[in-house]
């Protein structure tokens, strides 16, 4: 997978996952804001839809291709494993930071692969799938940043996502942002405090 890696001075590694149409450069500033000392592994999605990079296919907006989602989730998980060996970072201290489509594939890892990641910051994420029972997430810490006026990811999705992850024993924080699908500087100050507390 096309990616960027930057070695940090701490044991944590931030896995940066862009939104639809983005690339591996999009979330670098956000990663640096959250933890300037962490290793950075920023990955470009392997799927191209109408010229836009994505992490998995969809049938139409808001409707995921579940077969492709499963395939791409495993692909990303295996890539992290390989990257941890190549770059010699601690595989057990990977925290995903995903926006929109990137948040959805990070959530998919939490849903389907036990201990895939230590934590996740899910920015405007939907429920990735409802066709399978979740794996146990007792070792994972999850921050969900949801927009109160998000017309792409409705508030009901965020509430359901939080409930499902809590039921799988994840440590979940759901934060409501007074805004839409766009990210705000203010929410990253809240996220940074949460991150410093948890990691």
N, C-alpha and C. Protein backbone atom coordinates (compact mmCIF):
# COMPACT_ATOMS: atom_id res chain seq x y z
N UNK A 1 0.85 -1.19 0.00
CA UNK A 1 0.00 0.00 0.00
C UNK A 1 0.89 1.25 0.00
N UNK A 2 0.49 2.26 -0.75
CA UNK A 2 1.24 3.52 -0.77
C UNK A 2 1.09 4.18 0.60
N UNK A 3 2.20 4.63 1.16
CA UNK A 3 2.15 5.17 2.52
C UNK A 3 3.34 6.08 2.79
N UNK A 4 3.25 6.78 3.91
CA UNK A 4 4.36 7.56 4.45
C UNK A 4 4.65 7.04 5.86
N UNK A 5 5.91 6.99 6.22
CA UNK A 5 6.26 6.63 7.60
C UNK A 5 7.23 7.66 8.14
N UNK A 6 6.96 8.11 9.35
CA UNK A 6 7.86 9.05 10.03
C UNK A 6 8.13 8.51 11.42
N UNK A 7 9.39 8.28 11.72
CA UNK A 7 9.75 7.75 13.03
C UNK A 7 9.67 8.86 14.07
N UNK A 8 9.05 8.52 15.19
CA UNK A 8 8.94 9.47 16.30
C UNK A 8 9.85 9.09 17.45
N UNK A 9 9.60 9.69 18.60
CA UNK A 9 10.43 9.43 19.77
C UNK A 9 9.66 8.69 20.86
N UNK A 10 8.38 8.36 20.62
CA UNK A 10 7.61 7.60 21.61
C UNK A 10 7.32 6.21 21.06
N UNK A 11 6.71 5.36 21.88
CA UNK A 11 6.41 3.99 21.47
C UNK A 11 5.10 3.90 20.69
N UNK A 12 4.28 4.94 20.74
CA UNK A 12 2.99 4.92 20.04
C UNK A 12 3.17 5.19 18.55
N UNK A 13 2.31 4.56 17.75
CA UNK A 13 2.27 4.82 16.31
C UNK A 13 0.87 5.24 15.93
N UNK A 14 0.75 6.40 15.28
CA UNK A 14 -0.55 6.86 14.78
C UNK A 14 -0.71 6.37 13.34
N UNK A 15 -1.78 5.61 13.12
CA UNK A 15 -2.14 5.13 11.79
C UNK A 15 -3.13 6.13 11.21
N UNK A 16 -2.72 6.90 10.22
CA UNK A 16 -3.56 7.96 9.65
C UNK A 16 -4.29 7.45 8.41
N UNK A 17 -5.62 7.61 8.42
CA UNK A 17 -6.48 7.09 7.35
C UNK A 17 -7.39 8.21 6.84
N UNK A 18 -7.13 8.66 5.63
CA UNK A 18 -7.80 9.83 5.05
C UNK A 18 -9.27 9.55 4.69
N UNK A 19 -9.99 10.59 4.34
CA UNK A 19 -11.35 10.47 3.84
C UNK A 19 -11.37 10.26 2.34
N UNK A 20 -12.56 10.04 1.77
CA UNK A 20 -12.71 9.85 0.32
C UNK A 20 -12.10 11.01 -0.45
N UNK A 21 -11.25 10.67 -1.42
CA UNK A 21 -10.63 11.69 -2.24
C UNK A 21 -9.33 12.24 -1.69
N UNK A 22 -8.94 11.77 -0.50
CA UNK A 22 -7.71 12.25 0.11
C UNK A 22 -6.53 11.37 -0.23
N UNK A 23 -5.42 11.62 0.46
CA UNK A 23 -4.25 10.76 0.29
C UNK A 23 -3.45 10.76 1.59
N UNK A 24 -2.27 10.18 1.52
CA UNK A 24 -1.47 9.96 2.72
C UNK A 24 -0.93 11.25 3.33
N UNK A 25 -1.09 12.39 2.66
CA UNK A 25 -0.62 13.66 3.22
C UNK A 25 -1.69 14.40 4.03
N UNK A 26 -2.94 14.01 3.86
CA UNK A 26 -4.06 14.80 4.38
C UNK A 26 -4.07 15.01 5.89
N UNK A 27 -3.76 13.96 6.65
CA UNK A 27 -3.93 14.03 8.10
C UNK A 27 -2.62 14.22 8.87
N UNK A 28 -1.54 14.54 8.15
CA UNK A 28 -0.25 14.67 8.82
C UNK A 28 -0.26 15.77 9.89
N UNK A 29 -0.85 16.90 9.59
CA UNK A 29 -0.92 17.99 10.58
C UNK A 29 -1.73 17.58 11.78
N UNK A 30 -2.82 16.86 11.54
CA UNK A 30 -3.69 16.40 12.63
C UNK A 30 -2.93 15.41 13.50
N UNK A 31 -2.22 14.48 12.86
CA UNK A 31 -1.42 13.52 13.62
C UNK A 31 -0.39 14.23 14.50
N UNK A 32 0.27 15.23 13.94
CA UNK A 32 1.27 15.98 14.69
C UNK A 32 0.65 16.75 15.85
N UNK A 33 -0.57 17.25 15.64
CA UNK A 33 -1.27 17.98 16.70
C UNK A 33 -1.65 17.05 17.85
N UNK A 34 -2.11 15.85 17.52
CA UNK A 34 -2.53 14.89 18.55
C UNK A 34 -1.33 14.39 19.35
N UNK A 35 -0.27 14.00 18.65
CA UNK A 35 0.92 13.49 19.33
C UNK A 35 2.15 13.74 18.47
N UNK A 36 2.86 14.80 18.77
CA UNK A 36 4.03 15.19 17.97
C UNK A 36 5.21 14.24 18.14
N UNK A 37 5.14 13.37 19.15
CA UNK A 37 6.25 12.45 19.42
C UNK A 37 6.01 11.05 18.86
N UNK A 38 4.80 10.76 18.42
CA UNK A 38 4.46 9.41 17.95
C UNK A 38 5.08 9.12 16.57
N UNK A 39 5.28 7.83 16.29
CA UNK A 39 5.56 7.42 14.92
C UNK A 39 4.31 7.69 14.09
N UNK A 40 4.49 7.99 12.83
CA UNK A 40 3.36 8.22 11.93
C UNK A 40 3.39 7.20 10.79
N UNK A 41 2.30 6.48 10.62
CA UNK A 41 2.12 5.59 9.47
C UNK A 41 0.85 6.05 8.76
N UNK A 42 1.01 6.74 7.65
CA UNK A 42 -0.12 7.31 6.93
C UNK A 42 -0.30 6.55 5.62
N UNK A 43 -1.50 5.99 5.43
CA UNK A 43 -1.73 5.02 4.34
C UNK A 43 -2.76 5.54 3.35
N UNK A 44 -2.45 5.39 2.06
CA UNK A 44 -3.41 5.75 1.02
C UNK A 44 -4.33 4.57 0.71
N UNK A 45 -5.61 4.85 0.56
CA UNK A 45 -6.56 3.80 0.20
C UNK A 45 -6.24 3.18 -1.15
N UNK A 46 -6.48 1.88 -1.27
CA UNK A 46 -6.12 1.13 -2.48
C UNK A 46 -7.21 1.12 -3.55
N UNK A 47 -8.37 1.68 -3.24
CA UNK A 47 -9.49 1.68 -4.18
C UNK A 47 -9.63 3.08 -4.78
N UNK A 48 -9.89 3.15 -6.08
CA UNK A 48 -10.12 4.45 -6.73
C UNK A 48 -11.53 4.46 -7.29
N UNK A 49 -12.32 5.44 -6.87
CA UNK A 49 -13.71 5.58 -7.33
C UNK A 49 -13.86 6.96 -7.95
N UNK A 50 -14.12 6.98 -9.26
CA UNK A 50 -14.25 8.26 -9.98
C UNK A 50 -13.07 9.19 -9.73
N UNK A 51 -11.86 8.60 -9.72
CA UNK A 51 -10.65 9.37 -9.52
C UNK A 51 -10.32 9.69 -8.07
N UNK A 52 -11.14 9.20 -7.13
CA UNK A 52 -10.94 9.50 -5.71
C UNK A 52 -10.46 8.27 -4.96
N UNK A 53 -9.43 8.46 -4.13
CA UNK A 53 -8.91 7.36 -3.31
C UNK A 53 -9.88 7.01 -2.19
N UNK A 54 -10.10 5.69 -2.02
CA UNK A 54 -10.93 5.18 -0.92
C UNK A 54 -10.27 3.90 -0.39
N UNK A 55 -10.76 3.46 0.78
CA UNK A 55 -10.22 2.23 1.37
C UNK A 55 -11.00 0.99 0.97
N UNK A 56 -12.25 1.17 0.54
CA UNK A 56 -13.05 0.03 0.08
C UNK A 56 -14.15 0.54 -0.84
N UNK A 57 -14.72 -0.38 -1.60
CA UNK A 57 -15.77 -0.02 -2.56
C UNK A 57 -17.11 0.22 -1.85
N UNK A 58 -17.97 0.95 -2.50
CA UNK A 58 -19.34 1.10 -2.03
C UNK A 58 -20.28 0.89 -3.20
N UNK A 59 -21.49 0.48 -2.89
CA UNK A 59 -22.50 0.25 -3.92
C UNK A 59 -23.12 1.58 -4.35
N UNK A 60 -23.27 2.47 -3.40
CA UNK A 60 -23.73 3.84 -3.61
C UNK A 60 -23.43 4.61 -2.33
N UNK A 61 -23.54 5.92 -2.33
CA UNK A 61 -23.23 6.68 -1.10
C UNK A 61 -23.97 6.14 0.11
N UNK A 62 -23.23 5.83 1.15
CA UNK A 62 -23.82 5.32 2.38
C UNK A 62 -24.07 3.83 2.41
N UNK A 63 -23.85 3.15 1.29
CA UNK A 63 -24.08 1.69 1.23
C UNK A 63 -22.77 1.01 0.84
N UNK A 64 -22.20 0.27 1.78
CA UNK A 64 -20.88 -0.33 1.57
C UNK A 64 -20.97 -1.67 0.85
N UNK A 65 -19.95 -1.95 0.06
CA UNK A 65 -19.77 -3.28 -0.52
C UNK A 65 -19.11 -4.13 0.57
N UNK A 66 -19.90 -4.95 1.26
CA UNK A 66 -19.40 -5.64 2.45
C UNK A 66 -18.32 -6.67 2.13
N UNK A 67 -18.42 -7.31 0.97
CA UNK A 67 -17.37 -8.28 0.59
C UNK A 67 -16.04 -7.56 0.41
N UNK A 68 -16.08 -6.41 -0.27
CA UNK A 68 -14.85 -5.66 -0.47
C UNK A 68 -14.36 -5.06 0.84
N UNK A 69 -15.28 -4.61 1.69
CA UNK A 69 -14.91 -4.07 2.99
C UNK A 69 -14.14 -5.12 3.80
N UNK A 70 -14.64 -6.35 3.79
CA UNK A 70 -13.96 -7.41 4.54
C UNK A 70 -12.57 -7.67 3.98
N UNK A 71 -12.48 -7.75 2.67
CA UNK A 71 -11.19 -7.99 2.01
C UNK A 71 -10.20 -6.88 2.31
N UNK A 72 -10.65 -5.63 2.20
CA UNK A 72 -9.75 -4.48 2.40
C UNK A 72 -9.38 -4.30 3.86
N UNK A 73 -10.27 -4.70 4.77
CA UNK A 73 -9.96 -4.62 6.20
C UNK A 73 -8.82 -5.55 6.55
N UNK A 74 -8.88 -6.78 6.04
CA UNK A 74 -7.81 -7.75 6.26
C UNK A 74 -6.52 -7.26 5.60
N UNK A 75 -6.65 -6.70 4.40
CA UNK A 75 -5.49 -6.17 3.67
C UNK A 75 -4.77 -5.09 4.49
N UNK A 76 -5.55 -4.17 5.07
CA UNK A 76 -4.96 -3.10 5.87
C UNK A 76 -4.32 -3.66 7.14
N UNK A 77 -5.01 -4.58 7.79
CA UNK A 77 -4.49 -5.22 9.00
C UNK A 77 -3.15 -5.89 8.72
N UNK A 78 -3.08 -6.63 7.63
CA UNK A 78 -1.83 -7.33 7.27
C UNK A 78 -0.73 -6.35 6.90
N UNK A 79 -1.12 -5.23 6.27
CA UNK A 79 -0.13 -4.21 5.94
C UNK A 79 0.48 -3.61 7.21
N UNK A 80 -0.35 -3.36 8.22
CA UNK A 80 0.17 -2.82 9.49
C UNK A 80 1.17 -3.81 10.10
N UNK A 81 0.82 -5.10 10.07
CA UNK A 81 1.73 -6.13 10.59
C UNK A 81 3.09 -6.07 9.87
N UNK A 82 3.04 -6.00 8.53
CA UNK A 82 4.27 -5.95 7.74
C UNK A 82 5.07 -4.66 8.02
N UNK A 83 4.35 -3.55 8.10
CA UNK A 83 5.02 -2.27 8.35
C UNK A 83 5.69 -2.25 9.72
N UNK A 84 5.07 -2.89 10.71
CA UNK A 84 5.65 -2.90 12.06
C UNK A 84 7.00 -3.62 12.05
N UNK A 85 7.12 -4.64 11.21
CA UNK A 85 8.40 -5.35 11.10
C UNK A 85 9.41 -4.53 10.31
N UNK A 86 8.95 -3.95 9.21
CA UNK A 86 9.85 -3.16 8.36
C UNK A 86 10.41 -1.95 9.10
N UNK A 87 9.53 -1.22 9.81
CA UNK A 87 9.94 0.03 10.46
C UNK A 87 10.25 -0.14 11.95
N UNK A 88 10.04 -1.37 12.43
CA UNK A 88 10.40 -1.72 13.82
C UNK A 88 9.67 -0.87 14.86
N UNK A 89 8.35 -0.72 14.68
CA UNK A 89 7.55 -0.09 15.73
C UNK A 89 6.74 -1.16 16.46
N UNK A 90 6.27 -0.82 17.65
CA UNK A 90 5.53 -1.76 18.50
C UNK A 90 4.13 -1.97 17.92
N UNK A 91 3.88 -3.18 17.44
CA UNK A 91 2.58 -3.49 16.80
C UNK A 91 1.42 -3.37 17.78
N UNK A 92 1.71 -3.50 19.07
CA UNK A 92 0.65 -3.45 20.08
C UNK A 92 0.31 -2.02 20.53
N UNK A 93 0.97 -1.03 19.93
CA UNK A 93 0.72 0.36 20.33
C UNK A 93 0.36 1.22 19.12
N UNK A 94 -0.55 0.69 18.30
CA UNK A 94 -1.02 1.40 17.11
C UNK A 94 -2.39 2.00 17.40
N UNK A 95 -2.52 3.30 17.19
CA UNK A 95 -3.79 4.01 17.38
C UNK A 95 -4.20 4.61 16.03
N UNK A 96 -5.34 4.21 15.54
CA UNK A 96 -5.82 4.72 14.25
C UNK A 96 -6.45 6.09 14.42
N UNK A 97 -6.20 6.97 13.46
CA UNK A 97 -6.89 8.26 13.37
C UNK A 97 -7.50 8.28 11.97
N UNK A 98 -8.81 8.08 11.91
CA UNK A 98 -9.48 7.97 10.62
C UNK A 98 -10.57 9.00 10.45
N UNK A 99 -10.65 9.54 9.24
CA UNK A 99 -11.69 10.52 8.91
C UNK A 99 -12.63 9.94 7.85
N UNK A 100 -13.92 9.94 8.12
CA UNK A 100 -14.95 9.53 7.17
C UNK A 100 -14.68 8.12 6.64
N UNK A 101 -14.34 7.96 5.38
CA UNK A 101 -14.05 6.63 4.83
C UNK A 101 -12.91 5.94 5.60
N UNK A 102 -11.90 6.71 5.99
CA UNK A 102 -10.80 6.15 6.78
C UNK A 102 -11.25 5.71 8.16
N UNK A 103 -12.18 6.48 8.77
CA UNK A 103 -12.73 6.09 10.06
C UNK A 103 -13.55 4.81 9.93
N UNK A 104 -14.24 4.67 8.80
CA UNK A 104 -15.08 3.49 8.60
C UNK A 104 -14.26 2.21 8.51
N UNK A 105 -13.10 2.26 7.85
CA UNK A 105 -12.28 1.04 7.78
C UNK A 105 -11.59 0.77 9.11
N UNK A 106 -11.26 1.83 9.86
CA UNK A 106 -10.71 1.63 11.20
C UNK A 106 -11.76 0.96 12.09
N UNK A 107 -13.01 1.44 11.99
CA UNK A 107 -14.10 0.82 12.75
C UNK A 107 -14.30 -0.63 12.33
N UNK A 108 -14.14 -0.89 11.04
CA UNK A 108 -14.28 -2.26 10.54
C UNK A 108 -13.25 -3.19 11.17
N UNK A 109 -12.03 -2.71 11.37
CA UNK A 109 -11.01 -3.52 12.06
C UNK A 109 -11.45 -3.82 13.48
N UNK A 110 -12.00 -2.81 14.16
CA UNK A 110 -12.49 -3.02 15.53
C UNK A 110 -13.64 -4.03 15.56
N UNK A 111 -14.46 -4.01 14.54
CA UNK A 111 -15.61 -4.91 14.49
C UNK A 111 -15.20 -6.35 14.22
N UNK A 112 -14.15 -6.56 13.43
CA UNK A 112 -13.92 -7.90 12.89
C UNK A 112 -12.61 -8.58 13.27
N UNK A 113 -11.61 -7.84 13.79
CA UNK A 113 -10.32 -8.45 14.11
C UNK A 113 -9.93 -8.09 15.54
N UNK A 114 -9.90 -9.10 16.39
CA UNK A 114 -9.60 -8.85 17.80
C UNK A 114 -8.18 -8.33 17.97
N UNK A 115 -8.04 -7.30 18.81
CA UNK A 115 -6.74 -6.67 19.10
C UNK A 115 -6.04 -6.15 17.85
N UNK A 116 -6.82 -5.73 16.85
CA UNK A 116 -6.23 -5.20 15.61
C UNK A 116 -5.47 -3.91 15.87
N UNK A 117 -6.04 -3.07 16.72
CA UNK A 117 -5.42 -1.79 17.07
C UNK A 117 -5.67 -1.50 18.55
N UNK A 118 -4.76 -0.75 19.15
CA UNK A 118 -4.89 -0.44 20.58
C UNK A 118 -5.99 0.59 20.83
N UNK A 119 -6.18 1.46 19.85
CA UNK A 119 -7.18 2.50 20.00
C UNK A 119 -7.54 3.10 18.66
N UNK A 120 -8.58 3.93 18.67
CA UNK A 120 -9.01 4.57 17.43
C UNK A 120 -9.66 5.91 17.73
N UNK A 121 -9.35 6.88 16.89
CA UNK A 121 -10.03 8.18 16.91
C UNK A 121 -10.82 8.21 15.61
N UNK A 122 -12.14 8.06 15.74
CA UNK A 122 -13.02 7.93 14.59
C UNK A 122 -13.74 9.25 14.35
N UNK A 123 -13.37 9.92 13.26
CA UNK A 123 -13.91 11.23 12.93
C UNK A 123 -15.00 11.07 11.88
N UNK A 124 -16.25 11.28 12.27
CA UNK A 124 -17.42 11.18 11.38
C UNK A 124 -17.55 9.77 10.79
N UNK A 125 -17.57 8.80 11.68
CA UNK A 125 -17.64 7.40 11.25
C UNK A 125 -19.06 6.86 11.28
N UNK A 126 -19.34 5.95 10.34
CA UNK A 126 -20.62 5.23 10.31
C UNK A 126 -20.41 3.83 10.90
N UNK A 127 -21.51 3.13 11.14
CA UNK A 127 -21.44 1.72 11.52
C UNK A 127 -20.97 0.97 10.28
N UNK A 128 -19.82 0.27 10.33
CA UNK A 128 -19.29 -0.33 9.11
C UNK A 128 -20.10 -1.53 8.61
N UNK A 129 -20.65 -2.30 9.56
CA UNK A 129 -21.43 -3.47 9.14
C UNK A 129 -22.35 -3.90 10.28
N UNK A 130 -23.46 -4.51 9.89
CA UNK A 130 -24.43 -4.99 10.87
C UNK A 130 -24.74 -6.48 10.67
N UNK A 131 -23.95 -7.13 9.84
CA UNK A 131 -24.22 -8.52 9.47
C UNK A 131 -23.41 -9.53 10.26
N UNK A 132 -22.58 -9.05 11.20
CA UNK A 132 -21.73 -9.96 11.97
C UNK A 132 -21.68 -9.53 13.42
N UNK A 133 -21.47 -10.50 14.30
CA UNK A 133 -21.26 -10.17 15.71
C UNK A 133 -19.87 -9.59 15.88
N UNK A 134 -19.74 -8.57 16.70
CA UNK A 134 -18.45 -7.93 16.92
C UNK A 134 -17.51 -8.83 17.71
N UNK A 135 -16.21 -8.71 17.42
CA UNK A 135 -15.19 -9.34 18.26
C UNK A 135 -15.08 -8.55 19.56
N UNK A 136 -14.38 -9.11 20.55
CA UNK A 136 -14.22 -8.41 21.81
C UNK A 136 -13.19 -7.29 21.69
N UNK A 137 -13.51 -6.14 22.28
CA UNK A 137 -12.64 -4.97 22.19
C UNK A 137 -12.24 -4.44 23.57
N UNK A 138 -12.12 -5.36 24.54
CA UNK A 138 -11.86 -4.90 25.92
C UNK A 138 -10.52 -4.17 26.05
N UNK A 139 -9.60 -4.39 25.10
CA UNK A 139 -8.29 -3.73 25.18
C UNK A 139 -8.21 -2.44 24.37
N UNK A 140 -9.32 -2.04 23.75
CA UNK A 140 -9.29 -0.89 22.83
C UNK A 140 -9.97 0.34 23.43
N UNK A 141 -9.36 1.49 23.18
CA UNK A 141 -9.92 2.77 23.61
C UNK A 141 -10.32 3.54 22.35
N UNK A 142 -11.57 4.02 22.34
CA UNK A 142 -12.11 4.62 21.11
C UNK A 142 -12.73 5.98 21.40
N UNK A 143 -12.34 6.96 20.59
CA UNK A 143 -12.95 8.30 20.63
C UNK A 143 -13.74 8.48 19.34
N UNK A 144 -15.02 8.79 19.45
CA UNK A 144 -15.87 9.05 18.28
C UNK A 144 -16.23 10.53 18.28
N UNK A 145 -15.84 11.23 17.22
CA UNK A 145 -16.19 12.65 17.08
C UNK A 145 -17.30 12.75 16.04
N UNK A 146 -18.49 13.14 16.50
CA UNK A 146 -19.68 13.16 15.64
C UNK A 146 -20.21 14.58 15.49
N UNK A 147 -20.57 14.95 14.27
CA UNK A 147 -21.14 16.27 14.02
C UNK A 147 -22.64 16.28 14.26
N UNK A 148 -23.11 17.25 15.01
CA UNK A 148 -24.54 17.32 15.32
C UNK A 148 -25.39 17.60 14.08
N UNK A 149 -24.79 18.22 13.05
CA UNK A 149 -25.52 18.56 11.82
C UNK A 149 -24.92 17.87 10.60
N UNK A 150 -24.39 16.68 10.82
CA UNK A 150 -23.72 15.94 9.75
C UNK A 150 -24.77 15.24 8.89
N UNK A 151 -24.89 15.65 7.63
CA UNK A 151 -25.88 15.03 6.74
C UNK A 151 -25.31 13.81 6.00
N UNK A 152 -24.00 13.57 6.13
CA UNK A 152 -23.37 12.39 5.53
C UNK A 152 -23.37 11.23 6.53
N UNK A 153 -23.06 11.55 7.76
CA UNK A 153 -23.08 10.55 8.84
C UNK A 153 -24.05 11.04 9.92
N UNK A 154 -25.33 10.64 9.83
CA UNK A 154 -26.35 11.15 10.76
C UNK A 154 -26.03 10.79 12.21
N UNK A 155 -26.49 11.60 13.17
CA UNK A 155 -26.23 11.35 14.59
C UNK A 155 -26.63 9.94 15.04
N UNK A 156 -27.69 9.39 14.44
CA UNK A 156 -28.14 8.04 14.83
C UNK A 156 -27.04 7.01 14.58
N UNK A 157 -26.29 7.21 13.48
CA UNK A 157 -25.19 6.29 13.16
C UNK A 157 -24.13 6.33 14.26
N UNK A 158 -23.79 7.53 14.69
CA UNK A 158 -22.75 7.69 15.71
C UNK A 158 -23.19 7.07 17.04
N UNK A 159 -24.46 7.27 17.40
CA UNK A 159 -24.97 6.69 18.64
C UNK A 159 -24.93 5.17 18.58
N UNK A 160 -25.35 4.61 17.44
CA UNK A 160 -25.35 3.16 17.29
C UNK A 160 -23.93 2.61 17.31
N UNK A 161 -23.01 3.30 16.63
CA UNK A 161 -21.62 2.87 16.61
C UNK A 161 -21.06 2.83 18.04
N UNK A 162 -21.30 3.87 18.81
CA UNK A 162 -20.82 3.91 20.19
C UNK A 162 -21.42 2.77 21.02
N UNK A 163 -22.72 2.54 20.85
CA UNK A 163 -23.39 1.47 21.61
C UNK A 163 -22.82 0.10 21.27
N UNK A 164 -22.61 -0.15 19.99
CA UNK A 164 -22.08 -1.45 19.56
C UNK A 164 -20.66 -1.67 20.10
N UNK A 165 -19.84 -0.64 20.04
CA UNK A 165 -18.47 -0.78 20.53
C UNK A 165 -18.44 -0.93 22.05
N UNK A 166 -19.32 -0.22 22.74
CA UNK A 166 -19.42 -0.39 24.20
C UNK A 166 -19.84 -1.81 24.55
N UNK A 167 -20.78 -2.37 23.77
CA UNK A 167 -21.24 -3.74 24.01
C UNK A 167 -20.12 -4.75 23.78
N UNK A 168 -19.14 -4.38 22.96
CA UNK A 168 -17.99 -5.27 22.72
C UNK A 168 -16.87 -5.03 23.74
N UNK A 169 -17.18 -4.22 24.77
CA UNK A 169 -16.29 -3.94 25.91
C UNK A 169 -15.18 -2.94 25.62
N UNK A 170 -15.31 -2.20 24.53
CA UNK A 170 -14.35 -1.12 24.28
C UNK A 170 -14.60 0.03 25.26
N UNK A 171 -13.55 0.78 25.53
CA UNK A 171 -13.64 2.01 26.32
C UNK A 171 -13.95 3.13 25.33
N UNK A 172 -15.22 3.61 25.34
CA UNK A 172 -15.69 4.51 24.28
C UNK A 172 -16.04 5.90 24.83
N UNK A 173 -15.59 6.90 24.10
CA UNK A 173 -15.97 8.29 24.37
C UNK A 173 -16.64 8.84 23.11
N UNK A 174 -17.90 9.24 23.22
CA UNK A 174 -18.62 9.85 22.10
C UNK A 174 -18.71 11.35 22.36
N UNK A 175 -18.11 12.13 21.48
CA UNK A 175 -18.08 13.59 21.64
C UNK A 175 -18.89 14.23 20.52
N UNK A 176 -19.85 15.07 20.90
CA UNK A 176 -20.68 15.75 19.90
C UNK A 176 -20.06 17.09 19.55
N UNK A 177 -19.81 17.28 18.25
CA UNK A 177 -19.22 18.51 17.74
C UNK A 177 -20.32 19.34 17.10
N UNK A 178 -20.41 20.61 17.48
CA UNK A 178 -21.44 21.47 16.92
C UNK A 178 -21.03 21.88 15.51
N UNK A 179 -21.30 20.98 14.56
CA UNK A 179 -20.88 21.22 13.19
C UNK A 179 -21.37 20.12 12.27
N UNK A 180 -20.83 20.09 11.06
CA UNK A 180 -21.28 19.10 10.07
C UNK A 180 -20.19 18.04 9.84
N UNK A 181 -19.99 17.61 8.60
CA UNK A 181 -19.02 16.56 8.31
C UNK A 181 -17.58 17.09 8.29
N UNK A 182 -17.43 18.39 8.24
CA UNK A 182 -16.08 18.98 8.24
C UNK A 182 -15.48 18.93 9.64
N UNK A 183 -14.15 18.85 9.66
CA UNK A 183 -13.44 18.80 10.94
C UNK A 183 -13.18 20.21 11.46
N UNK A 184 -13.07 20.34 12.78
CA UNK A 184 -12.81 21.64 13.40
C UNK A 184 -11.55 21.57 14.26
N UNK A 185 -10.87 22.69 14.38
CA UNK A 185 -9.66 22.75 15.21
C UNK A 185 -10.01 22.47 16.67
N UNK A 186 -11.17 22.98 17.11
CA UNK A 186 -11.56 22.85 18.52
C UNK A 186 -11.69 21.39 18.94
N UNK A 187 -12.20 20.54 18.03
CA UNK A 187 -12.39 19.14 18.44
C UNK A 187 -11.04 18.44 18.66
N UNK A 188 -10.00 18.90 17.97
CA UNK A 188 -8.71 18.25 18.15
C UNK A 188 -8.06 18.62 19.48
N UNK A 189 -8.44 19.73 20.05
CA UNK A 189 -7.97 20.06 21.40
C UNK A 189 -8.59 19.11 22.41
N UNK A 190 -9.87 18.77 22.20
CA UNK A 190 -10.56 17.81 23.06
C UNK A 190 -9.96 16.42 22.88
N UNK A 191 -9.72 16.06 21.61
CA UNK A 191 -9.14 14.74 21.29
C UNK A 191 -7.75 14.61 21.90
N UNK A 192 -6.96 15.66 21.82
CA UNK A 192 -5.60 15.63 22.37
C UNK A 192 -5.61 15.36 23.87
N UNK A 193 -6.54 16.01 24.59
CA UNK A 193 -6.67 15.78 26.03
C UNK A 193 -7.03 14.33 26.31
N UNK A 194 -8.01 13.82 25.55
CA UNK A 194 -8.43 12.42 25.72
C UNK A 194 -7.26 11.49 25.45
N UNK A 195 -6.55 11.72 24.35
CA UNK A 195 -5.42 10.89 23.96
C UNK A 195 -4.33 10.88 25.04
N UNK A 196 -4.00 12.04 25.54
CA UNK A 196 -2.96 12.13 26.60
C UNK A 196 -3.37 11.37 27.86
N UNK A 197 -4.67 11.35 28.11
CA UNK A 197 -5.22 10.63 29.26
C UNK A 197 -5.13 9.13 29.10
N UNK A 198 -5.37 8.67 27.88
CA UNK A 198 -5.49 7.23 27.62
C UNK A 198 -4.19 6.57 27.21
N UNK A 199 -3.31 7.31 26.53
CA UNK A 199 -2.11 6.69 25.97
C UNK A 199 -0.82 7.32 26.49
